[in-house]
C-alpha cells in the first residue's frame, strides 16, 4: 500500500499509528509513504513512523527534483572537489547518498593505490 500525503492526518497521529498497528497486526501488509510539498517536520516524522512500523519505506519528494541528477553527485570538478550531497530525509535517497559516499571513498583509495603502483612500477602506467 502507498500513502501519498502533503501533511498530517486530520486526526491524532498517534491514534492513526495505533489503529494501523492493530489493523495490520499478523497480516503481511506493507505501507510505503510519500511526502510531497510538505515542510512540516511533524507530518514528515509521522509518515516515516507509519512506513517503518509497517515494514515500508518513507520517501520525501524534494522541492527541486530536477536537481537530483545522480551523475552530478559522482562527478569531480577540475579542482578535484566533489559536489556536496544534500541532506535527504527519504529512506531510498538517504541510502543512495550513503552508497555514493562509500563509492567516493573507494574511488579515492583506488586512485591512491594506482599512484603508489605507478611510482613503484612506472611501466604499468
PDB file of N, CA and C in Angstrom:
ATOM      1  N   UNK A   1       0.849  -1.154   0.000  1.00  0.00           N
ATOM      2  CA  UNK A   1       0.000   0.000   0.000  1.00  0.00           C
ATOM      3  C   UNK A   1       0.908   1.234   0.000  1.00  0.00           C
ATOM      4  N   UNK A   2       0.495   2.238  -0.734  1.00  0.00           N
ATOM      5  CA  UNK A   2       1.225   3.505  -0.773  1.00  0.00           C
ATOM      6  C   UNK A   2       0.321   4.618  -0.258  1.00  0.00           C
ATOM      7  N   UNK A   3       0.859   5.412   0.654  1.00  0.00           N
ATOM      8  CA  UNK A   3       0.144   6.569   1.173  1.00  0.00           C
ATOM      9  C   UNK A   3       0.886   7.807   0.692  1.00  0.00           C
ATOM     10  N   UNK A   4       0.183   8.644  -0.079  1.00  0.00           N
ATOM     11  CA  UNK A   4       0.752   9.905  -0.550  1.00  0.00           C
ATOM     12  C   UNK A   4       0.088  11.023   0.237  1.00  0.00           C
ATOM     13  N   UNK A   5       0.908  11.926   0.785  1.00  0.00           N
ATOM     14  CA  UNK A   5       0.336  12.961   1.629  1.00  0.00           C
ATOM     15  C   UNK A   5       1.151  14.240   1.538  1.00  0.00           C
ATOM     16  N   UNK A   6       0.459  15.354   1.787  1.00  0.00           N
ATOM     17  CA  UNK A   6       1.152  16.630   1.870  1.00  0.00           C
ATOM     18  C   UNK A   6       1.055  17.187   3.290  1.00  0.00           C
ATOM     19  N   UNK A   7       0.786  16.325   4.255  1.00  0.00           N
ATOM     20  CA  UNK A   7       0.706  16.787   5.637  1.00  0.00           C
ATOM     21  C   UNK A   7       0.236  15.708   6.588  1.00  0.00           C
ATOM     22  N   UNK A   8      -0.110  16.144   7.813  1.00  0.00           N
ATOM     23  CA  UNK A   8      -0.570  15.237   8.867  1.00  0.00           C
ATOM     24  C   UNK A   8      -2.016  14.828   8.624  1.00  0.00           C
ATOM     25  N   UNK A   9      -2.430  13.720   9.254  1.00  0.00           N
ATOM     26  CA  UNK A   9      -3.843  13.341   9.150  1.00  0.00           C
ATOM     27  C   UNK A   9      -4.706  14.332   9.934  1.00  0.00           C
ATOM     28  N   UNK A  10      -6.002  14.309   9.639  1.00  0.00           N
ATOM     29  CA  UNK A  10      -6.926  15.211  10.336  1.00  0.00           C
ATOM     30  C   UNK A  10      -7.116  14.801  11.789  1.00  0.00           C
ATOM     31  N   UNK A  11      -6.883  13.538  12.094  1.00  0.00           N
ATOM     32  CA  UNK A  11      -6.994  13.067  13.476  1.00  0.00           C
ATOM     33  C   UNK A  11      -5.593  12.962  14.087  1.00  0.00           C
ATOM     34  N   UNK A  12      -5.533  12.450  15.273  1.00  0.00           N
ATOM     35  CA  UNK A  12      -4.275  12.325  16.005  1.00  0.00           C
ATOM     36  C   UNK A  12      -3.302  11.376  15.301  1.00  0.00           C
ATOM     37  N   UNK A  13      -2.050  11.802  15.175  1.00  0.00           N
ATOM     38  CA  UNK A  13      -1.019  10.958  14.552  1.00  0.00           C
ATOM     39  C   UNK A  13      -0.839   9.673  15.347  1.00  0.00           C
ATOM     40  N   UNK A  14      -0.789   9.783  16.670  1.00  0.00           N
ATOM     41  CA  UNK A  14      -0.581   8.583  17.497  1.00  0.00           C
ATOM     42  C   UNK A  14      -1.778   7.631  17.381  1.00  0.00           C
ATOM     43  N   UNK A  15      -2.985   8.183  17.250  1.00  0.00           N
ATOM     44  CA  UNK A  15      -4.167   7.338  17.078  1.00  0.00           C
ATOM     45  C   UNK A  15      -4.086   6.585  15.753  1.00  0.00           C
ATOM     46  N   UNK A  16      -3.694   7.248  14.693  1.00  0.00           N
ATOM     47  CA  UNK A  16      -3.576   6.592  13.391  1.00  0.00           C
ATOM     48  C   UNK A  16      -2.531   5.485  13.452  1.00  0.00           C
ATOM     49  N   UNK A  17      -1.382   5.767  14.101  1.00  0.00           N
ATOM     50  CA  UNK A  17      -0.328   4.754  14.212  1.00  0.00           C
ATOM     51  C   UNK A  17      -0.814   3.549  15.018  1.00  0.00           C
ATOM     52  N   UNK A  18      -1.513   3.807  16.116  1.00  0.00           N
ATOM     53  CA  UNK A  18      -2.023   2.726  16.966  1.00  0.00           C
ATOM     54  C   UNK A  18      -3.062   1.886  16.222  1.00  0.00           C
ATOM     55  N   UNK A  19      -4.009   2.536  15.566  1.00  0.00           N
ATOM     56  CA  UNK A  19      -5.059   1.815  14.839  1.00  0.00           C
ATOM     57  C   UNK A  19      -4.478   1.055  13.648  1.00  0.00           C
ATOM     58  N   UNK A  20      -3.522   1.649  12.965  1.00  0.00           N
ATOM     59  CA  UNK A  20      -2.885   0.966  11.842  1.00  0.00           C
ATOM     60  C   UNK A  20      -2.175  -0.286  12.317  1.00  0.00           C
ATOM     61  N   UNK A  21      -1.508  -0.179  13.464  1.00  0.00           N
ATOM     62  CA  UNK A  21      -0.818  -1.348  14.012  1.00  0.00           C
ATOM     63  C   UNK A  21      -1.816  -2.452  14.355  1.00  0.00           C
ATOM     64  N   UNK A  22      -2.959  -2.080  14.921  1.00  0.00           N
ATOM     65  CA  UNK A  22      -3.981  -3.073  15.245  1.00  0.00           C
ATOM     66  C   UNK A  22      -4.510  -3.750  13.983  1.00  0.00           C
ATOM     67  N   UNK A  23      -4.780  -2.949  12.952  1.00  0.00           N
ATOM     68  CA  UNK A  23      -5.386  -3.482  11.729  1.00  0.00           C
ATOM     69  C   UNK A  23      -4.423  -4.345  10.920  1.00  0.00           C
ATOM     70  N   UNK A  24      -3.132  -4.066  11.011  1.00  0.00           N
ATOM     71  CA  UNK A  24      -2.160  -4.811  10.199  1.00  0.00           C
ATOM     72  C   UNK A  24      -1.450  -5.906  10.977  1.00  0.00           C
ATOM     73  N   UNK A  25      -1.684  -5.990  12.266  1.00  0.00           N
ATOM     74  CA  UNK A  25      -1.015  -6.984  13.098  1.00  0.00           C
ATOM     75  C   UNK A  25      -1.304  -8.399  12.606  1.00  0.00           C
ATOM     76  N   UNK A  26      -0.249  -9.155  12.377  1.00  0.00           N
ATOM     77  CA  UNK A  26      -0.380 -10.537  11.936  1.00  0.00           C
ATOM     78  C   UNK A  26      -0.672 -10.689  10.454  1.00  0.00           C
ATOM     79  N   UNK A  27      -0.743  -9.598   9.757  1.00  0.00           N
ATOM     80  CA  UNK A  27      -1.011  -9.643   8.310  1.00  0.00           C
ATOM     81  C   UNK A  27       0.229  -9.182   7.567  1.00  0.00           C
ATOM     82  N   UNK A  28       0.345  -9.600   6.341  1.00  0.00           N
ATOM     83  CA  UNK A  28       1.503  -9.217   5.530  1.00  0.00           C
ATOM     84  C   UNK A  28       1.165  -7.977   4.708  1.00  0.00           C
ATOM     85  N   UNK A  29       0.996  -6.876   5.408  1.00  0.00           N
ATOM     86  CA  UNK A  29       0.669  -5.605   4.752  1.00  0.00           C
ATOM     87  C   UNK A  29       1.851  -4.668   4.924  1.00  0.00           C
ATOM     88  N   UNK A  30       2.333  -4.165   3.814  1.00  0.00           N
ATOM     89  CA  UNK A  30       3.437  -3.209   3.830  1.00  0.00           C
ATOM     90  C   UNK A  30       2.883  -1.859   3.418  1.00  0.00           C
ATOM     91  N   UNK A  31       3.238  -0.834   4.182  1.00  0.00           N
ATOM     92  CA  UNK A  31       2.779   0.517   3.857  1.00  0.00           C
ATOM     93  C   UNK A  31       3.998   1.392   3.576  1.00  0.00           C
ATOM     94  N   UNK A  32       4.069   1.886   2.354  1.00  0.00           N
ATOM     95  CA  UNK A  32       5.090   2.852   1.969  1.00  0.00           C
ATOM     96  C   UNK A  32       4.440   4.225   2.012  1.00  0.00           C
ATOM     97  N   UNK A  33       5.204   5.240   2.395  1.00  0.00           N
ATOM     98  CA  UNK A  33       4.646   6.585   2.448  1.00  0.00           C
ATOM     99  C   UNK A  33       5.473   7.529   1.591  1.00  0.00           C
ATOM    100  N   UNK A  34       4.785   8.502   1.007  1.00  0.00           N
ATOM    101  CA  UNK A  34       5.426   9.521   0.186  1.00  0.00           C
ATOM    102  C   UNK A  34       4.916  10.871   0.659  1.00  0.00           C
ATOM    103  N   UNK A  35       5.841  11.723   1.052  1.00  0.00           N
ATOM    104  CA  UNK A  35       5.505  13.075   1.479  1.00  0.00           C
ATOM    105  C   UNK A  35       5.909  14.035   0.363  1.00  0.00           C
ATOM    106  N   UNK A  36       4.967  14.827  -0.101  1.00  0.00           N
ATOM    107  CA  UNK A  36       5.284  15.783  -1.158  1.00  0.00           C
ATOM    108  C   UNK A  36       4.776  17.169  -0.759  1.00  0.00           C
ATOM    109  N   UNK A  37       5.507  18.180  -1.184  1.00  0.00           N
ATOM    110  CA  UNK A  37       5.165  19.578  -0.878  1.00  0.00           C
ATOM    111  C   UNK A  37       4.930  19.782   0.608  1.00  0.00           C
ATOM    112  N   UNK A  38       5.697  19.122   1.424  1.00  0.00           N
ATOM    113  CA  UNK A  38       5.485  19.189   2.872  1.00  0.00           C
ATOM    114  C   UNK A  38       6.751  19.649   3.574  1.00  0.00           C
ATOM    115  N   UNK A  39       6.653  20.764   4.246  1.00  0.00           N
ATOM    116  CA  UNK A  39       7.792  21.257   5.019  1.00  0.00           C
ATOM    117  C   UNK A  39       7.539  21.106   6.519  1.00  0.00           C
ATOM    118  N   UNK A  40       6.442  20.456   6.866  1.00  0.00           N
ATOM    119  CA  UNK A  40       6.076  20.230   8.261  1.00  0.00           C
ATOM    120  C   UNK A  40       6.829  19.006   8.790  1.00  0.00           C
ATOM    121  N   UNK A  41       7.783  19.239   9.675  1.00  0.00           N
ATOM    122  CA  UNK A  41       8.612  18.135  10.173  1.00  0.00           C
ATOM    123  C   UNK A  41       7.800  17.129  10.978  1.00  0.00           C
ATOM    124  N   UNK A  42       6.748  17.573  11.662  1.00  0.00           N
ATOM    125  CA  UNK A  42       5.908  16.647  12.433  1.00  0.00           C
ATOM    126  C   UNK A  42       5.169  15.704  11.472  1.00  0.00           C
ATOM    127  N   UNK A  43       4.656  16.256  10.394  1.00  0.00           N
ATOM    128  CA  UNK A  43       3.955  15.430   9.400  1.00  0.00           C
ATOM    129  C   UNK A  43       4.916  14.443   8.757  1.00  0.00           C
ATOM    130  N   UNK A  44       6.111  14.899   8.412  1.00  0.00           N
ATOM    131  CA  UNK A  44       7.097  14.009   7.803  1.00  0.00           C
ATOM    132  C   UNK A  44       7.523  12.914   8.769  1.00  0.00           C
ATOM    133  N   UNK A  45       7.670  13.274  10.032  1.00  0.00           N
ATOM    134  CA  UNK A  45       8.028  12.278  11.050  1.00  0.00           C
ATOM    135  C   UNK A  45       6.916  11.232  11.192  1.00  0.00           C
ATOM    136  N   UNK A  46       5.670  11.682  11.168  1.00  0.00           N
ATOM    137  CA  UNK A  46       4.532  10.751  11.238  1.00  0.00           C
ATOM    138  C   UNK A  46       4.561   9.776  10.064  1.00  0.00           C
ATOM    139  N   UNK A  47       4.772  10.285   8.849  1.00  0.00           N
ATOM    140  CA  UNK A  47       4.782   9.419   7.669  1.00  0.00           C
ATOM    141  C   UNK A  47       5.946   8.430   7.724  1.00  0.00           C
ATOM    142  N   UNK A  48       7.084   8.868   8.266  1.00  0.00           N
ATOM    143  CA  UNK A  48       8.231   7.962   8.401  1.00  0.00           C
ATOM    144  C   UNK A  48       7.902   6.849   9.403  1.00  0.00           C
ATOM    145  N   UNK A  49       7.308   7.214  10.527  1.00  0.00           N
ATOM    146  CA  UNK A  49       6.939   6.208  11.529  1.00  0.00           C
ATOM    147  C   UNK A  49       5.911   5.231  10.977  1.00  0.00           C
ATOM    148  N   UNK A  50       4.938   5.747  10.228  1.00  0.00           N
ATOM    149  CA  UNK A  50       3.912   4.883   9.652  1.00  0.00           C
ATOM    150  C   UNK A  50       4.531   3.859   8.712  1.00  0.00           C
ATOM    151  N   UNK A  51       5.448   4.305   7.878  1.00  0.00           N
ATOM    152  CA  UNK A  51       6.104   3.379   6.943  1.00  0.00           C
ATOM    153  C   UNK A  51       6.963   2.359   7.683  1.00  0.00           C
ATOM    154  N   UNK A  52       7.786   2.817   8.586  1.00  0.00           N
ATOM    155  CA  UNK A  52       8.706   1.910   9.284  1.00  0.00           C
ATOM    156  C   UNK A  52       7.962   0.936  10.182  1.00  0.00           C
ATOM    157  N   UNK A  53       6.856   1.359  10.766  1.00  0.00           N
ATOM    158  CA  UNK A  53       6.050   0.480  11.614  1.00  0.00           C
ATOM    159  C   UNK A  53       5.451  -0.662  10.800  1.00  0.00           C
ATOM    160  N   UNK A  54       5.286  -0.430   9.496  1.00  0.00           N
ATOM    161  CA  UNK A  54       4.627  -1.416   8.637  1.00  0.00           C
ATOM    162  C   UNK A  54       5.557  -1.963   7.562  1.00  0.00           C
ATOM    163  N   UNK A  55       6.824  -2.077   7.895  1.00  0.00           N
ATOM    164  CA  UNK A  55       7.838  -2.664   7.012  1.00  0.00           C
ATOM    165  C   UNK A  55       7.931  -1.971   5.654  1.00  0.00           C
ATOM    166  N   UNK A  56       7.584  -0.681   5.627  1.00  0.00           N
ATOM    167  CA  UNK A  56       7.623   0.073   4.379  1.00  0.00           C
ATOM    168  C   UNK A  56       8.784   1.047   4.334  1.00  0.00           C
ATOM    169  N   UNK A  57       8.835   1.795   3.259  1.00  0.00           N
ATOM    170  CA  UNK A  57       9.868   2.808   3.080  1.00  0.00           C
ATOM    171  C   UNK A  57       9.217   4.176   3.038  1.00  0.00           C
ATOM    172  N   UNK A  58       9.926   5.144   3.557  1.00  0.00           N
ATOM    173  CA  UNK A  58       9.454   6.528   3.583  1.00  0.00           C
ATOM    174  C   UNK A  58      10.184   7.300   2.497  1.00  0.00           C
ATOM    175  N   UNK A  59       9.464   8.095   1.746  1.00  0.00           N
ATOM    176  CA  UNK A  59      10.055   8.919   0.698  1.00  0.00           C
ATOM    177  C   UNK A  59       9.628  10.366   0.907  1.00  0.00           C
ATOM    178  N   UNK A  60      10.560  11.272   0.736  1.00  0.00           N
ATOM    179  CA  UNK A  60      10.261  12.700   0.786  1.00  0.00           C
ATOM    180  C   UNK A  60      10.639  13.282  -0.563  1.00  0.00           C
ATOM    181  N   UNK A  61       9.674  13.808  -1.257  1.00  0.00           N
ATOM    182  CA  UNK A  61       9.956  14.424  -2.556  1.00  0.00           C
ATOM    183  C   UNK A  61      10.578  15.792  -2.312  1.00  0.00           C
ATOM    184  N   UNK A  62      11.804  16.004  -2.779  1.00  0.00           N
ATOM    185  CA  UNK A  62      12.440  17.300  -2.580  1.00  0.00           C
ATOM    186  C   UNK A  62      11.740  18.370  -3.413  1.00  0.00           C
ATOM    187  N   UNK A  63      11.928  19.625  -3.010  1.00  0.00           N
ATOM    188  CA  UNK A  63      11.284  20.735  -3.709  1.00  0.00           C
ATOM    189  C   UNK A  63      11.732  20.837  -5.151  1.00  0.00           C
ATOM    190  N   UNK A  64      13.024  20.686  -5.386  1.00  0.00           N
ATOM    191  CA  UNK A  64      13.527  20.807  -6.756  1.00  0.00           C
ATOM    192  C   UNK A  64      14.080  19.469  -7.219  1.00  0.00           C
ATOM    193  N   UNK A  65      13.169  18.588  -7.627  1.00  0.00           N
ATOM    194  CA  UNK A  65      13.542  17.233  -8.036  1.00  0.00           C
ATOM    195  C   UNK A  65      14.496  17.254  -9.223  1.00  0.00           C
ATOM    196  N   UNK A  66      14.483  18.315 -10.021  1.00  0.00           N
ATOM    197  CA  UNK A  66      15.386  18.392 -11.174  1.00  0.00           C
ATOM    198  C   UNK A  66      16.844  18.452 -10.743  1.00  0.00           C
ATOM    199  N   UNK A  67      17.110  18.888  -9.516  1.00  0.00           N
ATOM    200  CA  UNK A  67      18.488  18.998  -9.039  1.00  0.00           C
ATOM    201  C   UNK A  67      19.067  17.652  -8.642  1.00  0.00           C
ATOM    202  N   UNK A  68      18.247  16.616  -8.631  1.00  0.00           N
ATOM    203  CA  UNK A  68      18.696  15.306  -8.172  1.00  0.00           C
ATOM    204  C   UNK A  68      19.219  14.461  -9.330  1.00  0.00           C
ATOM    205  N   UNK A  69      20.250  14.902  -9.951  1.00  0.00           N
ATOM    206  CA  UNK A  69      20.862  14.138 -11.032  1.00  0.00           C
ATOM    207  C   UNK A  69      22.040  13.397 -10.437  1.00  0.00           C
ATOM    208  N   UNK A  70      21.896  12.101 -10.309  1.00  0.00           N
ATOM    209  CA  UNK A  70      22.879  11.295  -9.596  1.00  0.00           C
ATOM    210  C   UNK A  70      24.249  11.366 -10.248  1.00  0.00           C
ATOM    211  N   UNK A  71      24.304  11.426 -11.558  1.00  0.00           N
ATOM    212  CA  UNK A  71      25.588  11.527 -12.239  1.00  0.00           C
ATOM    213  C   UNK A  71      26.391  12.728 -11.771  1.00  0.00           C
ATOM    214  N   UNK A  72      25.714  13.821 -11.456  1.00  0.00           N
ATOM    215  CA  UNK A  72      26.402  15.010 -10.954  1.00  0.00           C
ATOM    216  C   UNK A  72      27.027  14.744  -9.581  1.00  0.00           C
ATOM    217  N   UNK A  73      26.391  13.873  -8.786  1.00  0.00           N
ATOM    218  CA  UNK A  73      26.932  13.570  -7.466  1.00  0.00           C
ATOM    219  C   UNK A  73      28.254  12.823  -7.558  1.00  0.00           C
ATOM    220  N   UNK A  74      28.429  12.085  -8.619  1.00  0.00           N
ATOM    221  CA  UNK A  74      29.626  11.267  -8.755  1.00  0.00           C
ATOM    222  C   UNK A  74      30.766  12.003  -9.452  1.00  0.00           C
ATOM    223  N   UNK A  75      30.477  13.163  -9.989  1.00  0.00           N
ATOM    224  CA  UNK A  75      31.496  13.883 -10.753  1.00  0.00           C
ATOM    225  C   UNK A  75      32.467  14.613  -9.837  1.00  0.00           C
ATOM    226  N   UNK A  76      33.618  14.936 -10.410  1.00  0.00           N
ATOM    227  CA  UNK A  76      34.636  15.722  -9.710  1.00  0.00           C
ATOM    228  C   UNK A  76      34.980  16.878 -10.631  1.00  0.00           C
ATOM    229  N   UNK A  77      34.993  18.107 -10.105  1.00  0.00           N
ATOM    230  CA  UNK A  77      35.300  19.234 -10.976  1.00  0.00           C
ATOM    231  C   UNK A  77      36.802  19.358 -11.186  1.00  0.00           C
ATOM    232  N   UNK A  78      37.202  20.337 -11.958  1.00  0.00           N
ATOM    233  CA  UNK A  78      38.610  20.465 -12.349  1.00  0.00           C
ATOM    234  C   UNK A  78      39.535  20.720 -11.168  1.00  0.00           C
ATOM    235  N   UNK A  79      39.002  21.249 -10.066  1.00  0.00           N
ATOM    236  CA  UNK A  79      39.818  21.483  -8.873  1.00  0.00           C
ATOM    237  C   UNK A  79      39.922  20.246  -7.991  1.00  0.00           C
ATOM    238  N   UNK A  80      39.256  19.167  -8.389  1.00  0.00           N
ATOM    239  CA  UNK A  80      39.283  17.935  -7.598  1.00  0.00           C
ATOM    240  C   UNK A  80      38.230  17.907  -6.505  1.00  0.00           C
ATOM    241  N   UNK A  81      37.354  18.928  -6.490  1.00  0.00           N
ATOM    242  CA  UNK A  81      36.304  18.982  -5.470  1.00  0.00           C
ATOM    243  C   UNK A  81      35.088  18.180  -5.918  1.00  0.00           C
ATOM    244  N   UNK A  82      34.474  17.509  -4.970  1.00  0.00           N
ATOM    245  CA  UNK A  82      33.261  16.752  -5.256  1.00  0.00           C
ATOM    246  C   UNK A  82      32.063  17.580  -4.816  1.00  0.00           C
ATOM    247  N   UNK A  83      30.969  17.505  -5.554  1.00  0.00           N
ATOM    248  CA  UNK A  83      29.777  18.254  -5.133  1.00  0.00           C
ATOM    249  C   UNK A  83      29.268  17.730  -3.795  1.00  0.00           C
ATOM    250  N   UNK A  84      28.706  18.630  -3.015  1.00  0.00           N
ATOM    251  CA  UNK A  84      28.183  18.254  -1.706  1.00  0.00           C
ATOM    252  C   UNK A  84      26.791  17.671  -1.892  1.00  0.00           C
ATOM    253  N   UNK A  85      26.581  16.508  -1.310  1.00  0.00           N
ATOM    254  CA  UNK A  85      25.272  15.871  -1.385  1.00  0.00           C
ATOM    255  C   UNK A  85      24.303  16.577  -0.451  1.00  0.00           C
ATOM    256  N   UNK A  86      23.071  16.791  -0.908  1.00  0.00           N
ATOM    257  CA  UNK A  86      22.090  17.379   0.004  1.00  0.00           C
ATOM    258  C   UNK A  86      21.729  16.383   1.098  1.00  0.00           C
ATOM    259  N   UNK A  87      21.151  16.891   2.139  1.00  0.00           N
ATOM    260  CA  UNK A  87      20.708  16.032   3.234  1.00  0.00           C
ATOM    261  C   UNK A  87      19.322  15.501   2.885  1.00  0.00           C
ATOM    262  N   UNK A  88      19.235  14.185   2.673  1.00  0.00           N
ATOM    263  CA  UNK A  88      17.971  13.576   2.278  1.00  0.00           C
ATOM    264  C   UNK A  88      17.242  13.035   3.490  1.00  0.00           C
ATOM    265  N   UNK A  89      15.922  13.151   3.473  1.00  0.00           N
ATOM    266  CA  UNK A  89      15.111  12.577   4.541  1.00  0.00           C
ATOM    267  C   UNK A  89      14.489  11.255   4.132  1.00  0.00           C
ATOM    268  N   UNK A  90      14.252  11.050   2.854  1.00  0.00           N
ATOM    269  CA  UNK A  90      13.639   9.812   2.386  1.00  0.00           C
ATOM    270  C   UNK A  90      14.590   8.645   2.515  1.00  0.00           C
ATOM    271  N   UNK A  91      14.046   7.475   2.820  1.00  0.00           N
ATOM    272  CA  UNK A  91      14.866   6.279   3.050  1.00  0.00           C
ATOM    273  C   UNK A  91      15.743   5.932   1.850  1.00  0.00           C
ATOM    274  N   UNK A  92      15.141   5.857   0.666  1.00  0.00           N
ATOM    275  CA  UNK A  92      15.896   5.420  -0.509  1.00  0.00           C
ATOM    276  C   UNK A  92      16.971   6.425  -0.901  1.00  0.00           C
ATOM    277  N   UNK A  93      16.629   7.711  -0.888  1.00  0.00           N
ATOM    278  CA  UNK A  93      17.621   8.722  -1.273  1.00  0.00           C
ATOM    279  C   UNK A  93      18.739   8.829  -0.236  1.00  0.00           C
ATOM    280  N   UNK A  94      18.397   8.666   1.036  1.00  0.00           N
ATOM    281  CA  UNK A  94      19.437   8.689   2.077  1.00  0.00           C
ATOM    282  C   UNK A  94      20.386   7.514   1.889  1.00  0.00           C
ATOM    283  N   UNK A  95      19.823   6.341   1.581  1.00  0.00           N
ATOM    284  CA  UNK A  95      20.640   5.149   1.344  1.00  0.00           C
ATOM    285  C   UNK A  95      21.518   5.330   0.106  1.00  0.00           C
ATOM    286  N   UNK A  96      20.950   5.932  -0.931  1.00  0.00           N
ATOM    287  CA  UNK A  96      21.715   6.205  -2.141  1.00  0.00           C
ATOM    288  C   UNK A  96      22.858   7.184  -1.868  1.00  0.00           C
ATOM    289  N   UNK A  97      22.608   8.188  -1.051  1.00  0.00           N
ATOM    290  CA  UNK A  97      23.655   9.147  -0.689  1.00  0.00           C
ATOM    291  C   UNK A  97      24.771   8.457   0.100  1.00  0.00           C
ATOM    292  N   UNK A  98      24.405   7.531   0.993  1.00  0.00           N
ATOM    293  CA  UNK A  98      25.414   6.789   1.747  1.00  0.00           C
ATOM    294  C   UNK A  98      26.257   5.934   0.815  1.00  0.00           C
ATOM    295  N   UNK A  99      25.621   5.282  -0.135  1.00  0.00           N
ATOM    296  CA  UNK A  99      26.355   4.470  -1.104  1.00  0.00           C
ATOM    297  C   UNK A  99      27.258   5.341  -1.981  1.00  0.00           C
ATOM    298  N   UNK A 100      26.789   6.526  -2.314  1.00  0.00           N
ATOM    299  CA  UNK A 100      27.602   7.456  -3.097  1.00  0.00           C
ATOM    300  C   UNK A 100      28.834   7.876  -2.305  1.00  0.00           C
ATOM    301  N   UNK A 101      28.672   8.147  -1.018  1.00  0.00           N
ATOM    302  CA  UNK A 101      29.826   8.484  -0.172  1.00  0.00           C
ATOM    303  C   UNK A 101      30.804   7.318  -0.112  1.00  0.00           C
ATOM    304  N   UNK A 102      30.292   6.085  -0.005  1.00  0.00           N
ATOM    305  CA  UNK A 102      31.165   4.909   0.000  1.00  0.00           C
ATOM    306  C   UNK A 102      31.924   4.801  -1.321  1.00  0.00           C
ATOM    307  N   UNK A 103      31.214   5.023  -2.417  1.00  0.00           N
ATOM    308  CA  UNK A 103      31.838   4.963  -3.730  1.00  0.00           C
ATOM    309  C   UNK A 103      32.961   5.994  -3.857  1.00  0.00           C
ATOM    310  N   UNK A 104      32.714   7.195  -3.364  1.00  0.00           N
ATOM    311  CA  UNK A 104      33.745   8.240  -3.399  1.00  0.00           C
ATOM    312  C   UNK A 104      34.984   7.816  -2.609  1.00  0.00           C
ATOM    313  N   UNK A 105      34.754   7.214  -1.446  1.00  0.00           N
ATOM    314  CA  UNK A 105      35.869   6.746  -0.619  1.00  0.00           C
ATOM    315  C   UNK A 105      36.659   5.663  -1.341  1.00  0.00           C
ATOM    316  N   UNK A 106      35.958   4.702  -1.927  1.00  0.00           N
ATOM    317  CA  UNK A 106      36.640   3.629  -2.662  1.00  0.00           C
ATOM    318  C   UNK A 106      37.403   4.176  -3.859  1.00  0.00           C
ATOM    319  N   UNK A 107      36.827   5.176  -4.533  1.00  0.00           N
ATOM    320  CA  UNK A 107      37.499   5.770  -5.681  1.00  0.00           C
ATOM    321  C   UNK A 107      38.793   6.469  -5.249  1.00  0.00           C
ATOM    322  N   UNK A 108      38.750   7.188  -4.130  1.00  0.00           N
ATOM    323  CA  UNK A 108      39.961   7.840  -3.619  1.00  0.00           C
ATOM    324  C   UNK A 108      41.030   6.800  -3.275  1.00  0.00           C
ATOM    325  N   UNK A 109      40.601   5.693  -2.658  1.00  0.00           N
ATOM    326  CA  UNK A 109      41.551   4.636  -2.327  1.00  0.00           C
ATOM    327  C   UNK A 109      42.153   4.033  -3.588  1.00  0.00           C
ATOM    328  N   UNK A 110      41.326   3.802  -4.588  1.00  0.00           N
ATOM    329  CA  UNK A 110      41.820   3.226  -5.847  1.00  0.00           C
ATOM    330  C   UNK A 110      42.816   4.159  -6.522  1.00  0.00           C
ATOM    331  N   UNK A 111      42.522   5.456  -6.512  1.00  0.00           N
ATOM    332  CA  UNK A 111      43.452   6.422  -7.106  1.00  0.00           C
ATOM    333  C   UNK A 111      44.770   6.464  -6.347  1.00  0.00           C
ATOM    334  N   UNK A 112      44.698   6.358  -5.024  1.00  0.00           N
ATOM    335  CA  UNK A 112      45.919   6.357  -4.210  1.00  0.00           C
ATOM    336  C   UNK A 112      46.744   5.099  -4.494  1.00  0.00           C
ATOM    337  N   UNK A 113      46.073   3.943  -4.567  1.00  0.00           N
ATOM    338  CA  UNK A 113      46.777   2.695  -4.890  1.00  0.00           C
ATOM    339  C   UNK A 113      47.395   2.763  -6.287  1.00  0.00           C
ATOM    340  N   UNK A 114      46.664   3.341  -7.205  1.00  0.00           N
ATOM    341  CA  UNK A 114      47.165   3.466  -8.570  1.00  0.00           C
ATOM    342  C   UNK A 114      48.428   4.327  -8.608  1.00  0.00           C
ATOM    343  N   UNK A 115      48.421   5.389  -7.824  1.00  0.00           N
ATOM    344  CA  UNK A 115      49.591   6.275  -7.757  1.00  0.00           C
ATOM    345  C   UNK A 115      50.790   5.544  -7.147  1.00  0.00           C
ATOM    346  N   UNK A 116      50.550   4.782  -6.098  1.00  0.00           N
ATOM    347  CA  UNK A 116      51.629   4.019  -5.456  1.00  0.00           C
ATOM    348  C   UNK A 116      52.221   3.016  -6.440  1.00  0.00           C
ATOM    349  N   UNK A 117      51.356   2.312  -7.148  1.00  0.00           N
ATOM    350  CA  UNK A 117      51.826   1.312  -8.113  1.00  0.00           C
ATOM    351  C   UNK A 117      52.586   1.966  -9.253  1.00  0.00           C
ATOM    352  N   UNK A 118      52.107   3.116  -9.730  1.00  0.00           N
ATOM    353  CA  UNK A 118      52.784   3.769 -10.853  1.00  0.00           C
ATOM    354  C   UNK A 118      54.148   4.319 -10.448  1.00  0.00           C
ATOM    355  N   UNK A 119      54.321   4.682  -9.176  1.00  0.00           N
ATOM    356  CA  UNK A 119      55.622   5.158  -8.705  1.00  0.00           C
ATOM    357  C   UNK A 119      56.597   3.992  -8.610  1.00  0.00           C
ATOM    358  N   UNK A 120      56.121   2.863  -8.065  1.00  0.00           N
ATOM    359  CA  UNK A 120      56.999   1.692  -7.902  1.00  0.00           C
ATOM    360  C   UNK A 120      57.238   0.958  -9.205  1.00  0.00           C
ATOM    361  N   UNK A 121      56.248   0.973 -10.094  1.00  0.00           N
ATOM    362  CA  UNK A 121      56.351   0.260 -11.368  1.00  0.00           C
ATOM    363  C   UNK A 121      55.892   1.208 -12.492  1.00  0.00           C
ATOM    364  N   UNK A 122      56.764   2.100 -12.929  1.00  0.00           N
ATOM    365  CA  UNK A 122      56.351   3.094 -13.940  1.00  0.00           C
ATOM    366  C   UNK A 122      55.906   2.487 -15.259  1.00  0.00           C
ATOM    367  N   UNK A 123      56.295   1.285 -15.546  1.00  0.00           N
ATOM    368  CA  UNK A 123      55.925   0.656 -16.813  1.00  0.00           C
ATOM    369  C   UNK A 123      54.435   0.277 -16.849  1.00  0.00           C
ATOM    370  N   UNK A 124      53.736   0.297 -15.683  1.00  0.00           N
ATOM    371  CA  UNK A 124      52.311  -0.091 -15.651  1.00  0.00           C
ATOM    372  C   UNK A 124      51.374   1.085 -15.937  1.00  0.00           C
ATOM    373  N   UNK A 125      51.916   2.267 -16.170  1.00  0.00           N
ATOM    374  CA  UNK A 125      51.069   3.441 -16.424  1.00  0.00           C
ATOM    375  C   UNK A 125      50.250   3.266 -17.597  1.00  0.00           C
TER     376      UNK A 125
END
